[in-house]
Amino acid sequence: MIVDAQNVKSTDTAEQKGYDGGKQVSGIKRYIAADSNGLPHALEVTTANITDRAGALQAFARHQYALGQVKNVLADGNYAGEPFAATVKDLVARRLYARR
């Protein structure tokens, strides 16, 4: 599964938006986790101030039922870190255990 995020600028009148200081974008952020065929397995939309790791974990937790066949997660440097990897592994393992 491949995971990534995209910042989307929103208008000044949007009710919910945040500011991503890294990319200097005010708006929302979309997260998608797709398999190698491009089929989505997890989606999430947050305000732009949420980190890529936190948003991806929200997507994985929300769509945990769709992660039963996941063996690897590919991500760029924004998702680095042992806490992120351990949480993803735990979410996938819980799903595999629940299927038995």
Foldseek 3Di string as FASTA:
>chain_A
DEKDKDDDADDPPDPDADAQPVVGGIGKMKMFFADPVRHTQWIFIHHNNDQSLVRVLVRCQVRLLSLQPDDDYDYDPSNDDDVSVVSSVVSNVVNVVVVD
